């Protein structure tokens, strides 16, 4: 996987991140949703480009991914 700095879209990065996890990230969407306090359906909608995370959820995402 490329560095986060090679991406211009966080959704593309997040999809690639999940895809590159063991077992193609199976169960990671649910863990992320739990961490963010949202429904897994919402995370799936973000990953499909229908919705976006809020600023606060973005900070939580960075924490979840261990980027900060």
PDB file of N, CA and C in Angstrom:
ATOM      1  N   UNK A   1       0.840  -1.178   0.000  1.00  0.00           N
ATOM      2  CA  UNK A   1       0.000   0.000   0.000  1.00  0.00           C
ATOM      3  C   UNK A   1       0.885   1.240   0.000  1.00  0.00           C
ATOM      4  N   UNK A   2       0.445   2.253  -0.713  1.00  0.00           N
ATOM      5  CA  UNK A   2       1.167   3.514  -0.785  1.00  0.00           C
ATOM      6  C   UNK A   2       1.009   4.301   0.509  1.00  0.00           C
ATOM      7  N   UNK A   3       1.849   5.299   0.650  1.00  0.00           N
ATOM      8  CA  UNK A   3       1.756   6.219   1.786  1.00  0.00           C
ATOM      9  C   UNK A   3       0.455   6.998   1.698  1.00  0.00           C
ATOM     10  N   UNK A   4      -0.072   7.389   2.848  1.00  0.00           N
ATOM     11  CA  UNK A   4      -1.298   8.193   2.875  1.00  0.00           C
ATOM     12  C   UNK A   4      -1.115   9.484   2.078  1.00  0.00           C
ATOM     13  N   UNK A   5       0.111   9.962   1.979  1.00  0.00           N
ATOM     14  CA  UNK A   5       0.379  11.226   1.308  1.00  0.00           C
ATOM     15  C   UNK A   5       0.282  11.123  -0.212  1.00  0.00           C
ATOM     16  N   UNK A   6       0.153   9.917  -0.747  1.00  0.00           N
ATOM     17  CA  UNK A   6      -0.021   9.768  -2.192  1.00  0.00           C
ATOM     18  C   UNK A   6      -1.485   9.828  -2.603  1.00  0.00           C
ATOM     19  N   UNK A   7      -2.370   9.889  -1.641  1.00  0.00           N
ATOM     20  CA  UNK A   7      -3.810   9.924  -1.915  1.00  0.00           C
ATOM     21  C   UNK A   7      -4.341  11.343  -1.806  1.00  0.00           C
ATOM     22  N   UNK A   8      -5.298  11.676  -2.670  1.00  0.00           N
ATOM     23  CA  UNK A   8      -5.964  12.976  -2.589  1.00  0.00           C
ATOM     24  C   UNK A   8      -7.392  12.838  -2.084  1.00  0.00           C
ATOM     25  N   UNK A   9      -7.839  11.610  -1.889  1.00  0.00           N
ATOM     26  CA  UNK A   9      -9.208  11.342  -1.444  1.00  0.00           C
ATOM     27  C   UNK A   9      -9.151  10.331  -0.294  1.00  0.00           C
ATOM     28  N   UNK A  10      -9.685  10.725   0.847  1.00  0.00           N
ATOM     29  CA  UNK A  10      -9.606   9.835   2.016  1.00  0.00           C
ATOM     30  C   UNK A  10     -10.397   8.547   1.813  1.00  0.00           C
ATOM     31  N   UNK A  11     -11.443   8.592   1.012  1.00  0.00           N
ATOM     32  CA  UNK A  11     -12.245   7.390   0.781  1.00  0.00           C
ATOM     33  C   UNK A  11     -11.432   6.363  -0.006  1.00  0.00           C
ATOM     34  N   UNK A  12     -10.709   6.815  -1.016  1.00  0.00           N
ATOM     35  CA  UNK A  12      -9.857   5.914  -1.804  1.00  0.00           C
ATOM     36  C   UNK A  12      -8.786   5.315  -0.901  1.00  0.00           C
ATOM     37  N   UNK A  13      -8.194   6.155  -0.040  1.00  0.00           N
ATOM     38  CA  UNK A  13      -7.195   5.650   0.910  1.00  0.00           C
ATOM     39  C   UNK A  13      -7.806   4.610   1.839  1.00  0.00           C
ATOM     40  N   UNK A  14      -8.984   4.918   2.391  1.00  0.00           N
ATOM     41  CA  UNK A  14      -9.614   4.014   3.351  1.00  0.00           C
ATOM     42  C   UNK A  14      -9.971   2.685   2.698  1.00  0.00           C
ATOM     43  N   UNK A  15     -10.476   2.722   1.476  1.00  0.00           N
ATOM     44  CA  UNK A  15     -10.767   1.470   0.754  1.00  0.00           C
ATOM     45  C   UNK A  15      -9.500   0.645   0.570  1.00  0.00           C
ATOM     46  N   UNK A  16      -8.413   1.300   0.151  1.00  0.00           N
ATOM     47  CA  UNK A  16      -7.139   0.597  -0.049  1.00  0.00           C
ATOM     48  C   UNK A  16      -6.615   0.047   1.273  1.00  0.00           C
ATOM     49  N   UNK A  17      -6.739   0.826   2.339  1.00  0.00           N
ATOM     50  CA  UNK A  17      -6.291   0.392   3.662  1.00  0.00           C
ATOM     51  C   UNK A  17      -7.037  -0.883   4.070  1.00  0.00           C
ATOM     52  N   UNK A  18      -8.342  -0.864   3.935  1.00  0.00           N
ATOM     53  CA  UNK A  18      -9.150  -2.027   4.319  1.00  0.00           C
ATOM     54  C   UNK A  18      -8.789  -3.230   3.455  1.00  0.00           C
ATOM     55  N   UNK A  19      -8.657  -3.017   2.162  1.00  0.00           N
ATOM     56  CA  UNK A  19      -8.341  -4.098   1.229  1.00  0.00           C
ATOM     57  C   UNK A  19      -7.000  -4.756   1.550  1.00  0.00           C
ATOM     58  N   UNK A  20      -6.066  -3.987   2.082  1.00  0.00           N
ATOM     59  CA  UNK A  20      -4.723  -4.498   2.358  1.00  0.00           C
ATOM     60  C   UNK A  20      -4.562  -5.093   3.748  1.00  0.00           C
ATOM     61  N   UNK A  21      -5.623  -5.145   4.518  1.00  0.00           N
ATOM     62  CA  UNK A  21      -5.569  -5.758   5.838  1.00  0.00           C
ATOM     63  C   UNK A  21      -5.712  -7.279   5.702  1.00  0.00           C
ATOM     64  N   UNK A  22      -5.275  -8.014   6.721  1.00  0.00           N
ATOM     65  CA  UNK A  22      -5.463  -9.477   6.664  1.00  0.00           C
ATOM     66  C   UNK A  22      -6.928  -9.829   6.408  1.00  0.00           C
ATOM     67  N   UNK A  23      -7.119 -10.857   5.612  1.00  0.00           N
ATOM     68  CA  UNK A  23      -8.457 -11.319   5.221  1.00  0.00           C
ATOM     69  C   UNK A  23      -9.257 -10.205   4.545  1.00  0.00           C
ATOM     70  N   UNK A  24      -8.544  -9.328   3.814  1.00  0.00           N
ATOM     71  CA  UNK A  24      -9.166  -8.214   3.071  1.00  0.00           C
ATOM     72  C   UNK A  24      -9.983  -7.307   3.976  1.00  0.00           C
ATOM     73  N   UNK A  25      -9.609  -7.228   5.258  1.00  0.00           N
ATOM     74  CA  UNK A  25     -10.271  -6.312   6.179  1.00  0.00           C
ATOM     75  C   UNK A  25     -11.610  -6.782   6.689  1.00  0.00           C
ATOM     76  N   UNK A  26     -11.849  -8.061   6.582  1.00  0.00           N
ATOM     77  CA  UNK A  26     -13.130  -8.601   7.037  1.00  0.00           C
ATOM     78  C   UNK A  26     -13.404  -8.202   8.492  1.00  0.00           C
ATOM     79  N   UNK A  27     -14.549  -7.592   8.738  1.00  0.00           N
ATOM     80  CA  UNK A  27     -14.949  -7.171  10.073  1.00  0.00           C
ATOM     81  C   UNK A  27     -14.449  -5.786  10.457  1.00  0.00           C
ATOM     82  N   UNK A  28     -13.589  -5.208   9.636  1.00  0.00           N
ATOM     83  CA  UNK A  28     -13.012  -3.908   9.979  1.00  0.00           C
ATOM     84  C   UNK A  28     -14.041  -2.788   9.905  1.00  0.00           C
ATOM     85  N   UNK A  29     -14.971  -2.873   8.977  1.00  0.00           N
ATOM     86  CA  UNK A  29     -16.008  -1.838   8.870  1.00  0.00           C
ATOM     87  C   UNK A  29     -16.833  -1.804  10.149  1.00  0.00           C
ATOM     88  N   UNK A  30     -17.153  -2.964  10.679  1.00  0.00           N
ATOM     89  CA  UNK A  30     -17.924  -3.008  11.922  1.00  0.00           C
ATOM     90  C   UNK A  30     -17.128  -2.455  13.105  1.00  0.00           C
ATOM     91  N   UNK A  31     -15.855  -2.780  13.168  1.00  0.00           N
ATOM     92  CA  UNK A  31     -15.011  -2.256  14.245  1.00  0.00           C
ATOM     93  C   UNK A  31     -14.884  -0.737  14.134  1.00  0.00           C
ATOM     94  N   UNK A  32     -14.717  -0.253  12.912  1.00  0.00           N
ATOM     95  CA  UNK A  32     -14.623   1.188  12.692  1.00  0.00           C
ATOM     96  C   UNK A  32     -15.930   1.871  13.075  1.00  0.00           C
ATOM     97  N   UNK A  33     -17.044   1.293  12.667  1.00  0.00           N
ATOM     98  CA  UNK A  33     -18.352   1.864  13.000  1.00  0.00           C
ATOM     99  C   UNK A  33     -18.536   1.933  14.509  1.00  0.00           C
ATOM    100  N   UNK A  34     -18.150   0.889  15.211  1.00  0.00           N
ATOM    101  CA  UNK A  34     -18.261   0.887  16.671  1.00  0.00           C
ATOM    102  C   UNK A  34     -17.402   1.994  17.277  1.00  0.00           C
ATOM    103  N   UNK A  35     -16.178   2.121  16.769  1.00  0.00           N
ATOM    104  CA  UNK A  35     -15.266   3.152  17.277  1.00  0.00           C
ATOM    105  C   UNK A  35     -15.840   4.553  17.048  1.00  0.00           C
ATOM    106  N   UNK A  36     -16.479   4.756  15.899  1.00  0.00           N
ATOM    107  CA  UNK A  36     -17.044   6.065  15.563  1.00  0.00           C
ATOM    108  C   UNK A  36     -18.409   6.301  16.200  1.00  0.00           C
ATOM    109  N   UNK A  37     -19.029   5.234  16.687  1.00  0.00           N
ATOM    110  CA  UNK A  37     -20.362   5.352  17.272  1.00  0.00           C
ATOM    111  C   UNK A  37     -21.445   5.532  16.229  1.00  0.00           C
ATOM    112  N   UNK A  38     -21.239   4.890  15.072  1.00  0.00           N
ATOM    113  CA  UNK A  38     -22.221   4.979  13.983  1.00  0.00           C
ATOM    114  C   UNK A  38     -22.606   3.581  13.542  1.00  0.00           C
ATOM    115  N   UNK A  39     -23.616   3.509  12.718  1.00  0.00           N
ATOM    116  CA  UNK A  39     -24.065   2.252  12.154  1.00  0.00           C
ATOM    117  C   UNK A  39     -23.099   1.810  11.049  1.00  0.00           C
ATOM    118  N   UNK A  40     -22.796   0.516  10.940  1.00  0.00           N
ATOM    119  CA  UNK A  40     -21.924   0.047   9.858  1.00  0.00           C
ATOM    120  C   UNK A  40     -22.443   0.431   8.466  1.00  0.00           C
ATOM    121  N   UNK A  41     -23.755   0.579   8.332  1.00  0.00           N
ATOM    122  CA  UNK A  41     -24.318   1.002   7.055  1.00  0.00           C
ATOM    123  C   UNK A  41     -23.797   2.379   6.662  1.00  0.00           C
ATOM    124  N   UNK A  42     -23.660   3.266   7.647  1.00  0.00           N
ATOM    125  CA  UNK A  42     -23.140   4.605   7.366  1.00  0.00           C
ATOM    126  C   UNK A  42     -21.707   4.527   6.851  1.00  0.00           C
ATOM    127  N   UNK A  43     -20.874   3.696   7.466  1.00  0.00           N
ATOM    128  CA  UNK A  43     -19.488   3.539   7.017  1.00  0.00           C
ATOM    129  C   UNK A  43     -19.477   2.992   5.593  1.00  0.00           C
ATOM    130  N   UNK A  44     -20.342   2.044   5.288  1.00  0.00           N
ATOM    131  CA  UNK A  44     -20.433   1.501   3.935  1.00  0.00           C
ATOM    132  C   UNK A  44     -20.849   2.582   2.937  1.00  0.00           C
ATOM    133  N   UNK A  45     -21.739   3.464   3.355  1.00  0.00           N
ATOM    134  CA  UNK A  45     -22.155   4.563   2.488  1.00  0.00           C
ATOM    135  C   UNK A  45     -21.004   5.529   2.239  1.00  0.00           C
ATOM    136  N   UNK A  46     -20.181   5.753   3.246  1.00  0.00           N
ATOM    137  CA  UNK A  46     -18.989   6.592   3.060  1.00  0.00           C
ATOM    138  C   UNK A  46     -18.046   5.914   2.073  1.00  0.00           C
ATOM    139  N   UNK A  47     -17.820   4.624   2.252  1.00  0.00           N
ATOM    140  CA  UNK A  47     -16.908   3.892   1.370  1.00  0.00           C
ATOM    141  C   UNK A  47     -17.404   3.837  -0.068  1.00  0.00           C
ATOM    142  N   UNK A  48     -18.710   3.929  -0.260  1.00  0.00           N
ATOM    143  CA  UNK A  48     -19.253   3.913  -1.624  1.00  0.00           C
ATOM    144  C   UNK A  48     -19.393   5.321  -2.195  1.00  0.00           C
ATOM    145  N   UNK A  49     -19.048   6.341  -1.404  1.00  0.00           N
ATOM    146  CA  UNK A  49     -19.082   7.709  -1.902  1.00  0.00           C
ATOM    147  C   UNK A  49     -20.407   8.420  -1.754  1.00  0.00           C
ATOM    148  N   UNK A  50     -21.368   7.811  -1.073  1.00  0.00           N
ATOM    149  CA  UNK A  50     -22.689   8.423  -0.912  1.00  0.00           C
ATOM    150  C   UNK A  50     -22.733   9.443   0.221  1.00  0.00           C
ATOM    151  N   UNK A  51     -21.899   9.244   1.224  1.00  0.00           N
ATOM    152  CA  UNK A  51     -21.878  10.128   2.397  1.00  0.00           C
ATOM    153  C   UNK A  51     -20.425  10.447   2.730  1.00  0.00           C
ATOM    154  N   UNK A  52     -20.239  11.356   3.666  1.00  0.00           N
ATOM    155  CA  UNK A  52     -18.906  11.718   4.152  1.00  0.00           C
ATOM    156  C   UNK A  52     -18.899  11.716   5.667  1.00  0.00           C
ATOM    157  N   UNK A  53     -17.715  11.453   6.228  1.00  0.00           N
ATOM    158  CA  UNK A  53     -17.551  11.569   7.662  1.00  0.00           C
ATOM    159  C   UNK A  53     -17.537  13.041   8.037  1.00  0.00           C
ATOM    160  N   UNK A  54     -17.988  13.341   9.239  1.00  0.00           N
ATOM    161  CA  UNK A  54     -17.882  14.706   9.772  1.00  0.00           C
ATOM    162  C   UNK A  54     -16.423  14.946  10.159  1.00  0.00           C
ATOM    163  N   UNK A  55     -16.108  16.180  10.459  1.00  0.00           N
ATOM    164  CA  UNK A  55     -14.751  16.518  10.903  1.00  0.00           C
ATOM    165  C   UNK A  55     -14.386  15.720  12.143  1.00  0.00           C
ATOM    166  N   UNK A  56     -15.312  15.652  13.092  1.00  0.00           N
ATOM    167  CA  UNK A  56     -15.049  14.911  14.325  1.00  0.00           C
ATOM    168  C   UNK A  56     -14.822  13.430  14.040  1.00  0.00           C
ATOM    169  N   UNK A  57     -15.622  12.867  13.135  1.00  0.00           N
ATOM    170  CA  UNK A  57     -15.454  11.466  12.772  1.00  0.00           C
ATOM    171  C   UNK A  57     -14.120  11.261  12.057  1.00  0.00           C
ATOM    172  N   UNK A  58     -13.684  12.258  11.304  1.00  0.00           N
ATOM    173  CA  UNK A  58     -12.382  12.187  10.644  1.00  0.00           C
ATOM    174  C   UNK A  58     -11.252  12.090  11.650  1.00  0.00           C
ATOM    175  N   UNK A  59     -11.346  12.882  12.729  1.00  0.00           N
ATOM    176  CA  UNK A  59     -10.335  12.800  13.789  1.00  0.00           C
ATOM    177  C   UNK A  59     -10.355  11.427  14.454  1.00  0.00           C
ATOM    178  N   UNK A  60     -11.549  10.892  14.676  1.00  0.00           N
ATOM    179  CA  UNK A  60     -11.672   9.556  15.262  1.00  0.00           C
ATOM    180  C   UNK A  60     -11.124   8.485  14.317  1.00  0.00           C
ATOM    181  N   UNK A  61     -11.332   8.674  13.015  1.00  0.00           N
ATOM    182  CA  UNK A  61     -10.806   7.746  12.011  1.00  0.00           C
ATOM    183  C   UNK A  61      -9.281   7.719  12.064  1.00  0.00           C
ATOM    184  N   UNK A  62      -8.675   8.889  12.136  1.00  0.00           N
ATOM    185  CA  UNK A  62      -7.210   8.994  12.228  1.00  0.00           C
ATOM    186  C   UNK A  62      -6.709   8.246  13.463  1.00  0.00           C
ATOM    187  N   UNK A  63      -7.411   8.398  14.575  1.00  0.00           N
ATOM    188  CA  UNK A  63      -7.041   7.690  15.799  1.00  0.00           C
ATOM    189  C   UNK A  63      -7.181   6.178  15.615  1.00  0.00           C
ATOM    190  N   UNK A  64      -8.305   5.766  15.032  1.00  0.00           N
ATOM    191  CA  UNK A  64      -8.563   4.338  14.815  1.00  0.00           C
ATOM    192  C   UNK A  64      -7.478   3.706  13.956  1.00  0.00           C
ATOM    193  N   UNK A  65      -7.024   4.427  12.923  1.00  0.00           N
ATOM    194  CA  UNK A  65      -6.012   3.906  12.003  1.00  0.00           C
ATOM    195  C   UNK A  65      -4.590   4.021  12.556  1.00  0.00           C
ATOM    196  N   UNK A  66      -4.469   4.707  13.695  1.00  0.00           N
ATOM    197  CA  UNK A  66      -3.147   4.863  14.302  1.00  0.00           C
ATOM    198  C   UNK A  66      -2.261   5.840  13.554  1.00  0.00           C
ATOM    199  N   UNK A  67      -2.864   6.827  12.923  1.00  0.00           N
ATOM    200  CA  UNK A  67      -2.098   7.799  12.148  1.00  0.00           C
ATOM    201  C   UNK A  67      -1.713   9.029  12.955  1.00  0.00           C
ATOM    202  N   UNK A  68      -2.204   9.109  14.180  1.00  0.00           N
ATOM    203  CA  UNK A  68      -1.863  10.270  15.012  1.00  0.00           C
ATOM    204  C   UNK A  68      -1.315   9.819  16.347  1.00  0.00           C
TER     205      UNK A  68
END
